[in-house]
Amino acid sequence: MDINKLRTKLETNIVLITFQSLKSGKIYNREYTLCEKYMAVPNHIKAQNGDKLICYDVEFQKWEDLEIDSIESFVTVE
């Protein structure tokens, strides 16, 4: 999976990310973004690196950090 492509998509779109919870082992599908027009709170995330991806959960209107290795797939929604 191309994490740089995912980061680029998140900056301008809503992206459906499929990932495995590290706590429960369950598979989740959640919509995330880094684009301010889809957020209820401003985006202060400008550059990311390391093993976590910080992104905004569109439905629950909160920030989350996803372990990059837990991400199975992604698709652009909007």
PDB file of N, CA and C in Angstrom:
ATOM      1  N   MET A   1       0.838  -1.182   0.000  1.00  0.00           N
ATOM      2  CA  MET A   1       0.000   0.000   0.000  1.00  0.00           C
ATOM      3  C   MET A   1       0.885   1.249   0.000  1.00  0.00           C
ATOM      4  N   ASP A   2       0.461   2.244  -0.741  1.00  0.00           N
ATOM      5  CA  ASP A   2       1.234   3.487  -0.885  1.00  0.00           C
ATOM      6  C   ASP A   2       0.729   4.525   0.129  1.00  0.00           C
ATOM      7  N   ILE A   3       1.427   4.649   1.258  1.00  0.00           N
ATOM      8  CA  ILE A   3       1.007   5.569   2.323  1.00  0.00           C
ATOM      9  C   ILE A   3       1.088   7.016   1.867  1.00  0.00           C
ATOM     10  N   ASN A   4       2.025   7.351   0.991  1.00  0.00           N
ATOM     11  CA  ASN A   4       2.120   8.727   0.499  1.00  0.00           C
ATOM     12  C   ASN A   4       0.919   9.084  -0.365  1.00  0.00           C
ATOM     13  N   LYS A   5       0.438   8.144  -1.156  1.00  0.00           N
ATOM     14  CA  LYS A   5      -0.768   8.368  -1.955  1.00  0.00           C
ATOM     15  C   LYS A   5      -1.974   8.577  -1.041  1.00  0.00           C
ATOM     16  N   LEU A   6      -2.067   7.792   0.020  1.00  0.00           N
ATOM     17  CA  LEU A   6      -3.155   7.947   0.990  1.00  0.00           C
ATOM     18  C   LEU A   6      -3.102   9.329   1.632  1.00  0.00           C
ATOM     19  N   ARG A   7      -1.945   9.757   2.061  1.00  0.00           N
ATOM     20  CA  ARG A   7      -1.806  11.089   2.681  1.00  0.00           C
ATOM     21  C   ARG A   7      -2.234  12.190   1.717  1.00  0.00           C
ATOM     22  N   THR A   8      -1.850  12.070   0.454  1.00  0.00           N
ATOM     23  CA  THR A   8      -2.224  13.059  -0.561  1.00  0.00           C
ATOM     24  C   THR A   8      -3.736  13.089  -0.759  1.00  0.00           C
ATOM     25  N   LYS A   9      -4.362  11.927  -0.829  1.00  0.00           N
ATOM     26  CA  LYS A   9      -5.825  11.844  -0.994  1.00  0.00           C
ATOM     27  C   LYS A   9      -6.544  12.463   0.205  1.00  0.00           C
ATOM     28  N   LEU A  10      -6.043  12.217   1.411  1.00  0.00           N
ATOM     29  CA  LEU A  10      -6.672  12.751   2.623  1.00  0.00           C
ATOM     30  C   LEU A  10      -6.663  14.277   2.651  1.00  0.00           C
ATOM     31  N   GLU A  11      -5.676  14.893   2.033  1.00  0.00           N
ATOM     32  CA  GLU A  11      -5.563  16.357   2.052  1.00  0.00           C
ATOM     33  C   GLU A  11      -6.674  17.045   1.259  1.00  0.00           C
ATOM     34  N   THR A  12      -7.287  16.342   0.296  1.00  0.00           N
ATOM     35  CA  THR A  12      -8.295  16.973  -0.556  1.00  0.00           C
ATOM     36  C   THR A  12      -9.620  16.214  -0.623  1.00  0.00           C
ATOM     37  N   ASN A  13      -9.691  15.047  -0.013  1.00  0.00           N
ATOM     38  CA  ASN A  13     -10.871  14.201  -0.148  1.00  0.00           C
ATOM     39  C   ASN A  13     -11.271  13.560   1.173  1.00  0.00           C
ATOM     40  N   ILE A  14     -12.440  12.927   1.152  1.00  0.00           N
ATOM     41  CA  ILE A  14     -12.827  11.987   2.199  1.00  0.00           C
ATOM     42  C   ILE A  14     -12.414  10.614   1.689  1.00  0.00           C
ATOM     43  N   VAL A  15     -11.730   9.860   2.548  1.00  0.00           N
ATOM     44  CA  VAL A  15     -11.202   8.557   2.153  1.00  0.00           C
ATOM     45  C   VAL A  15     -11.725   7.491   3.114  1.00  0.00           C
ATOM     46  N   LEU A  16     -12.281   6.418   2.552  1.00  0.00           N
ATOM     47  CA  LEU A  16     -12.721   5.275   3.349  1.00  0.00           C
ATOM     48  C   LEU A  16     -11.505   4.387   3.586  1.00  0.00           C
ATOM     49  N   ILE A  17     -11.111   4.266   4.844  1.00  0.00           N
ATOM     50  CA  ILE A  17      -9.934   3.476   5.202  1.00  0.00           C
ATOM     51  C   ILE A  17     -10.391   2.213   5.927  1.00  0.00           C
ATOM     52  N   THR A  18      -9.891   1.080   5.474  1.00  0.00           N
ATOM     53  CA  THR A  18     -10.140  -0.196   6.133  1.00  0.00           C
ATOM     54  C   THR A  18      -8.896  -0.534   6.936  1.00  0.00           C
ATOM     55  N   PHE A  19      -9.092  -0.781   8.243  1.00  0.00           N
ATOM     56  CA  PHE A  19      -7.949  -1.065   9.115  1.00  0.00           C
ATOM     57  C   PHE A  19      -8.351  -2.055  10.195  1.00  0.00           C
ATOM     58  N   GLN A  20      -7.347  -2.653  10.807  1.00  0.00           N
ATOM     59  CA  GLN A  20      -7.579  -3.602  11.889  1.00  0.00           C
ATOM     60  C   GLN A  20      -7.248  -2.938  13.217  1.00  0.00           C
ATOM     61  N   SER A  21      -8.191  -3.025  14.158  1.00  0.00           N
ATOM     62  CA  SER A  21      -7.960  -2.464  15.491  1.00  0.00           C
ATOM     63  C   SER A  21      -6.851  -3.237  16.186  1.00  0.00           C
ATOM     64  N   LEU A  22      -5.896  -2.506  16.751  1.00  0.00           N
ATOM     65  CA  LEU A  22      -4.817  -3.156  17.487  1.00  0.00           C
ATOM     66  C   LEU A  22      -5.307  -3.709  18.819  1.00  0.00           C
ATOM     67  N   LYS A  23      -6.372  -3.123  19.364  1.00  0.00           N
ATOM     68  CA  LYS A  23      -6.901  -3.568  20.649  1.00  0.00           C
ATOM     69  C   LYS A  23      -7.772  -4.810  20.515  1.00  0.00           C
ATOM     70  N   SER A  24      -8.751  -4.768  19.584  1.00  0.00           N
ATOM     71  CA  SER A  24      -9.723  -5.853  19.483  1.00  0.00           C
ATOM     72  C   SER A  24      -9.446  -6.840  18.356  1.00  0.00           C
ATOM     73  N   GLY A  25      -8.637  -6.429  17.367  1.00  0.00           N
ATOM     74  CA  GLY A  25      -8.403  -7.280  16.210  1.00  0.00           C
ATOM     75  C   GLY A  25      -9.508  -7.197  15.166  1.00  0.00           C
ATOM     76  N   LYS A  26     -10.561  -6.424  15.444  1.00  0.00           N
ATOM     77  CA  LYS A  26     -11.679  -6.281  14.508  1.00  0.00           C
ATOM     78  C   LYS A  26     -11.279  -5.400  13.328  1.00  0.00           C
ATOM     79  N   ILE A  27     -11.936  -5.638  12.190  1.00  0.00           N
ATOM     80  CA  ILE A  27     -11.717  -4.839  10.982  1.00  0.00           C
ATOM     81  C   ILE A  27     -12.752  -3.714  10.961  1.00  0.00           C
ATOM     82  N   TYR A  28     -12.294  -2.495  10.719  1.00  0.00           N
ATOM     83  CA  TYR A  28     -13.173  -1.331  10.670  1.00  0.00           C
ATOM     84  C   TYR A  28     -13.043  -0.629   9.323  1.00  0.00           C
ATOM     85  N   ASN A  29     -14.142  -0.021   8.888  1.00  0.00           N
ATOM     86  CA  ASN A  29     -14.179   0.848   7.713  1.00  0.00           C
ATOM     87  C   ASN A  29     -14.658   2.205   8.197  1.00  0.00           C
ATOM     88  N   ARG A  30     -13.789   3.210   8.136  1.00  0.00           N
ATOM     89  CA  ARG A  30     -14.139   4.540   8.619  1.00  0.00           C
ATOM     90  C   ARG A  30     -13.756   5.572   7.571  1.00  0.00           C
ATOM     91  N   GLU A  31     -14.531   6.660   7.519  1.00  0.00           N
ATOM     92  CA  GLU A  31     -14.236   7.761   6.597  1.00  0.00           C
ATOM     93  C   GLU A  31     -13.404   8.821   7.312  1.00  0.00           C
ATOM     94  N   TYR A  32     -12.249   9.130   6.709  1.00  0.00           N
ATOM     95  CA  TYR A  32     -11.316  10.098   7.286  1.00  0.00           C
ATOM     96  C   TYR A  32     -10.946  11.156   6.253  1.00  0.00           C
ATOM     97  N   THR A  33     -10.437  12.273   6.743  1.00  0.00           N
ATOM     98  CA  THR A  33      -9.972  13.349   5.861  1.00  0.00           C
ATOM     99  C   THR A  33      -8.933  14.197   6.576  1.00  0.00           C
ATOM    100  N   LEU A  34      -8.240  15.017   5.798  1.00  0.00           N
ATOM    101  CA  LEU A  34      -7.406  16.104   6.304  1.00  0.00           C
ATOM    102  C   LEU A  34      -7.804  17.407   5.623  1.00  0.00           C
ATOM    103  N   CYS A  35      -8.908  17.388   4.876  1.00  0.00           N
ATOM    104  CA  CYS A  35      -9.397  18.554   4.141  1.00  0.00           C
ATOM    105  C   CYS A  35     -10.336  19.364   5.038  1.00  0.00           C
ATOM    106  N   GLU A  36     -10.020  20.632   5.255  1.00  0.00           N
ATOM    107  CA  GLU A  36     -10.776  21.457   6.201  1.00  0.00           C
ATOM    108  C   GLU A  36     -12.241  21.640   5.835  1.00  0.00           C
ATOM    109  N   LYS A  37     -12.592  21.575   4.557  1.00  0.00           N
ATOM    110  CA  LYS A  37     -13.996  21.802   4.192  1.00  0.00           C
ATOM    111  C   LYS A  37     -14.915  20.694   4.704  1.00  0.00           C
ATOM    112  N   TYR A  38     -14.355  19.553   5.102  1.00  0.00           N
ATOM    113  CA  TYR A  38     -15.155  18.449   5.644  1.00  0.00           C
ATOM    114  C   TYR A  38     -15.070  18.358   7.162  1.00  0.00           C
ATOM    115  N   MET A  39     -14.393  19.305   7.808  1.00  0.00           N
ATOM    116  CA  MET A  39     -14.151  19.218   9.243  1.00  0.00           C
ATOM    117  C   MET A  39     -14.982  20.200  10.046  1.00  0.00           C
ATOM    118  N   ALA A  40     -15.306  19.794  11.260  1.00  0.00           N
ATOM    119  CA  ALA A  40     -15.971  20.686  12.197  1.00  0.00           C
ATOM    120  C   ALA A  40     -14.954  21.498  12.992  1.00  0.00           C
ATOM    121  N   VAL A  41     -13.718  21.055  12.989  1.00  0.00           N
ATOM    122  CA  VAL A  41     -12.628  21.758  13.681  1.00  0.00           C
ATOM    123  C   VAL A  41     -11.487  21.988  12.698  1.00  0.00           C
ATOM    124  N   PRO A  42     -10.704  23.042  12.878  1.00  0.00           N
ATOM    125  CA  PRO A  42      -9.621  23.340  11.928  1.00  0.00           C
ATOM    126  C   PRO A  42      -8.548  22.256  11.905  1.00  0.00           C
ATOM    127  N   ASN A  43      -7.887  22.168  10.783  1.00  0.00           N
ATOM    128  CA  ASN A  43      -6.796  21.219  10.597  1.00  0.00           C
ATOM    129  C   ASN A  43      -5.471  21.900  10.906  1.00  0.00           C
ATOM    130  N   HIS A  44      -4.788  21.406  11.912  1.00  0.00           N
ATOM    131  CA  HIS A  44      -3.474  21.948  12.249  1.00  0.00           C
ATOM    132  C   HIS A  44      -2.361  20.958  11.909  1.00  0.00           C
ATOM    133  N   ILE A  45      -2.724  19.856  11.245  1.00  0.00           N
ATOM    134  CA  ILE A  45      -1.758  18.841  10.849  1.00  0.00           C
ATOM    135  C   ILE A  45      -1.195  19.233   9.487  1.00  0.00           C
ATOM    136  N   LYS A  46       0.077  19.500   9.412  1.00  0.00           N
ATOM    137  CA  LYS A  46       0.671  19.924   8.146  1.00  0.00           C
ATOM    138  C   LYS A  46       1.627  18.882   7.582  1.00  0.00           C
ATOM    139  N   ALA A  47       2.428  18.264   8.404  1.00  0.00           N
ATOM    140  CA  ALA A  47       3.377  17.258   7.921  1.00  0.00           C
ATOM    141  C   ALA A  47       3.373  16.082   8.888  1.00  0.00           C
ATOM    142  N   GLN A  48       3.384  14.884   8.315  1.00  0.00           N
ATOM    143  CA  GLN A  48       3.373  13.683   9.139  1.00  0.00           C
ATOM    144  C   GLN A  48       4.479  12.753   8.680  1.00  0.00           C
ATOM    145  N   ASN A  49       5.031  12.054   9.640  1.00  0.00           N
ATOM    146  CA  ASN A  49       5.945  10.970   9.333  1.00  0.00           C
ATOM    147  C   ASN A  49       5.899   9.997  10.503  1.00  0.00           C
ATOM    148  N   GLY A  50       6.606   8.921  10.416  1.00  0.00           N
ATOM    149  CA  GLY A  50       6.572   7.928  11.479  1.00  0.00           C
ATOM    150  C   GLY A  50       5.612   6.808  11.153  1.00  0.00           C
ATOM    151  N   ASP A  51       5.240   6.039  12.177  1.00  0.00           N
ATOM    152  CA  ASP A  51       4.433   4.843  11.953  1.00  0.00           C
ATOM    153  C   ASP A  51       2.947   5.039  12.228  1.00  0.00           C
ATOM    154  N   LYS A  52       2.531   6.291  12.478  1.00  0.00           N
ATOM    155  CA  LYS A  52       1.115   6.579  12.699  1.00  0.00           C
ATOM    156  C   LYS A  52       0.617   7.608  11.687  1.00  0.00           C
ATOM    157  N   LEU A  53      -0.656   7.489  11.354  1.00  0.00           N
ATOM    158  CA  LEU A  53      -1.311   8.443  10.460  1.00  0.00           C
ATOM    159  C   LEU A  53      -2.388   9.146  11.275  1.00  0.00           C
ATOM    160  N   ILE A  54      -2.261  10.449  11.443  1.00  0.00           N
ATOM    161  CA  ILE A  54      -3.248  11.231  12.179  1.00  0.00           C
ATOM    162  C   ILE A  54      -4.249  11.766  11.169  1.00  0.00           C
ATOM    163  N   CYS A  55      -5.541  11.475  11.395  1.00  0.00           N
ATOM    164  CA  CYS A  55      -6.569  11.921  10.463  1.00  0.00           C
ATOM    165  C   CYS A  55      -7.877  12.165  11.205  1.00  0.00           C
ATOM    166  N   TYR A  56      -8.775  12.856  10.529  1.00  0.00           N
ATOM    167  CA  TYR A  56     -10.036  13.310  11.124  1.00  0.00           C
ATOM    168  C   TYR A  56     -11.161  12.360  10.742  1.00  0.00           C
ATOM    169  N   ASP A  57     -11.857  11.809  11.733  1.00  0.00           N
ATOM    170  CA  ASP A  57     -13.002  10.933  11.508  1.00  0.00           C
ATOM    171  C   ASP A  57     -14.212  11.811  11.188  1.00  0.00           C
ATOM    172  N   VAL A  58     -14.706  11.715   9.959  1.00  0.00           N
ATOM    173  CA  VAL A  58     -15.767  12.592   9.472  1.00  0.00           C
ATOM    174  C   VAL A  58     -17.072  12.375  10.240  1.00  0.00           C
ATOM    175  N   GLU A  59     -17.463  11.139  10.472  1.00  0.00           N
ATOM    176  CA  GLU A  59     -18.736  10.847  11.140  1.00  0.00           C
ATOM    177  C   GLU A  59     -18.727  11.256  12.611  1.00  0.00           C
ATOM    178  N   PHE A  60     -17.672  10.876  13.333  1.00  0.00           N
ATOM    179  CA  PHE A  60     -17.615  11.135  14.769  1.00  0.00           C
ATOM    180  C   PHE A  60     -16.982  12.484  15.106  1.00  0.00           C
ATOM    181  N   GLN A  61     -16.504  13.196  14.076  1.00  0.00           N
ATOM    182  CA  GLN A  61     -15.936  14.535  14.225  1.00  0.00           C
ATOM    183  C   GLN A  61     -14.862  14.588  15.315  1.00  0.00           C
ATOM    184  N   LYS A  62     -13.880  13.695  15.162  1.00  0.00           N
ATOM    185  CA  LYS A  62     -12.772  13.675  16.117  1.00  0.00           C
ATOM    186  C   LYS A  62     -11.508  13.203  15.411  1.00  0.00           C
ATOM    187  N   TRP A  63     -10.373  13.554  16.001  1.00  0.00           N
ATOM    188  CA  TRP A  63      -9.075  13.150  15.470  1.00  0.00           C
ATOM    189  C   TRP A  63      -8.728  11.763  15.967  1.00  0.00           C
ATOM    190  N   GLU A  64      -8.108  10.975  15.094  1.00  0.00           N
ATOM    191  CA  GLU A  64      -7.647   9.644  15.467  1.00  0.00           C
ATOM    192  C   GLU A  64      -6.264   9.419  14.886  1.00  0.00           C
ATOM    193  N   ASP A  65      -5.515   8.547  15.531  1.00  0.00           N
ATOM    194  CA  ASP A  65      -4.243   8.137  14.948  1.00  0.00           C
ATOM    195  C   ASP A  65      -4.326   6.649  14.636  1.00  0.00           C
ATOM    196  N   LEU A  66      -3.990   6.333  13.401  1.00  0.00           N
ATOM    197  CA  LEU A  66      -4.019   4.952  12.934  1.00  0.00           C
ATOM    198  C   LEU A  66      -2.595   4.451  12.752  1.00  0.00           C
ATOM    199  N   GLU A  67      -2.344   3.259  13.224  1.00  0.00           N
ATOM    200  CA  GLU A  67      -1.056   2.611  12.974  1.00  0.00           C
ATOM    201  C   GLU A  67      -0.999   2.283  11.483  1.00  0.00           C
ATOM    202  N   ILE A  68       0.013   2.759  10.801  1.00  0.00           N
ATOM    203  CA  ILE A  68       0.094   2.566   9.348  1.00  0.00           C
ATOM    204  C   ILE A  68       0.054   1.083   8.980  1.00  0.00           C
ATOM    205  N   ASP A  69       0.719   0.251   9.766  1.00  0.00           N
ATOM    206  CA  ASP A  69       0.740  -1.188   9.476  1.00  0.00           C
ATOM    207  C   ASP A  69      -0.625  -1.845   9.615  1.00  0.00           C
ATOM    208  N   SER A  70      -1.571  -1.190  10.305  1.00  0.00           N
ATOM    209  CA  SER A  70      -2.911  -1.780  10.495  1.00  0.00           C
ATOM    210  C   SER A  70      -3.853  -1.445   9.335  1.00  0.00           C
ATOM    211  N   ILE A  71      -3.448  -0.527   8.460  1.00  0.00           N
ATOM    212  CA  ILE A  71      -4.298  -0.125   7.334  1.00  0.00           C
ATOM    213  C   ILE A  71      -4.227  -1.180   6.236  1.00  0.00           C
ATOM    214  N   GLU A  72      -5.402  -1.701   5.871  1.00  0.00           N
ATOM    215  CA  GLU A  72      -5.458  -2.757   4.861  1.00  0.00           C
ATOM    216  C   GLU A  72      -5.718  -2.203   3.465  1.00  0.00           C
ATOM    217  N   SER A  73      -6.573  -1.179   3.373  1.00  0.00           N
ATOM    218  CA  SER A  73      -6.889  -0.602   2.070  1.00  0.00           C
ATOM    219  C   SER A  73      -7.541   0.760   2.250  1.00  0.00           C
ATOM    220  N   PHE A  74      -7.681   1.499   1.135  1.00  0.00           N
ATOM    221  CA  PHE A  74      -8.380   2.776   1.165  1.00  0.00           C
ATOM    222  C   PHE A  74      -8.965   3.053  -0.197  1.00  0.00           C
ATOM    223  N   VAL A  75     -10.058   3.841  -0.200  1.00  0.00           N
ATOM    224  CA  VAL A  75     -10.699   4.252  -1.444  1.00  0.00           C
ATOM    225  C   VAL A  75     -11.268   5.653  -1.238  1.00  0.00           C
ATOM    226  N   THR A  76     -11.132   6.499  -2.252  1.00  0.00           N
ATOM    227  CA  THR A  76     -11.658   7.862  -2.181  1.00  0.00           C
ATOM    228  C   THR A  76     -13.183   7.830  -2.246  1.00  0.00           C
ATOM    229  N   VAL A  77     -13.835   8.522  -1.321  1.00  0.00           N
ATOM    230  CA  VAL A  77     -15.295   8.556  -1.257  1.00  0.00           C
ATOM    231  C   VAL A  77     -15.818   9.834  -1.911  1.00  0.00           C
ATOM    232  N   GLU A  78     -15.232  10.971  -1.549  1.00  0.00           N
ATOM    233  CA  GLU A  78     -15.714  12.265  -2.043  1.00  0.00           C
ATOM    234  C   GLU A  78     -14.559  13.187  -2.309  1.00  0.00           C
TER     235      GLU A  78
END
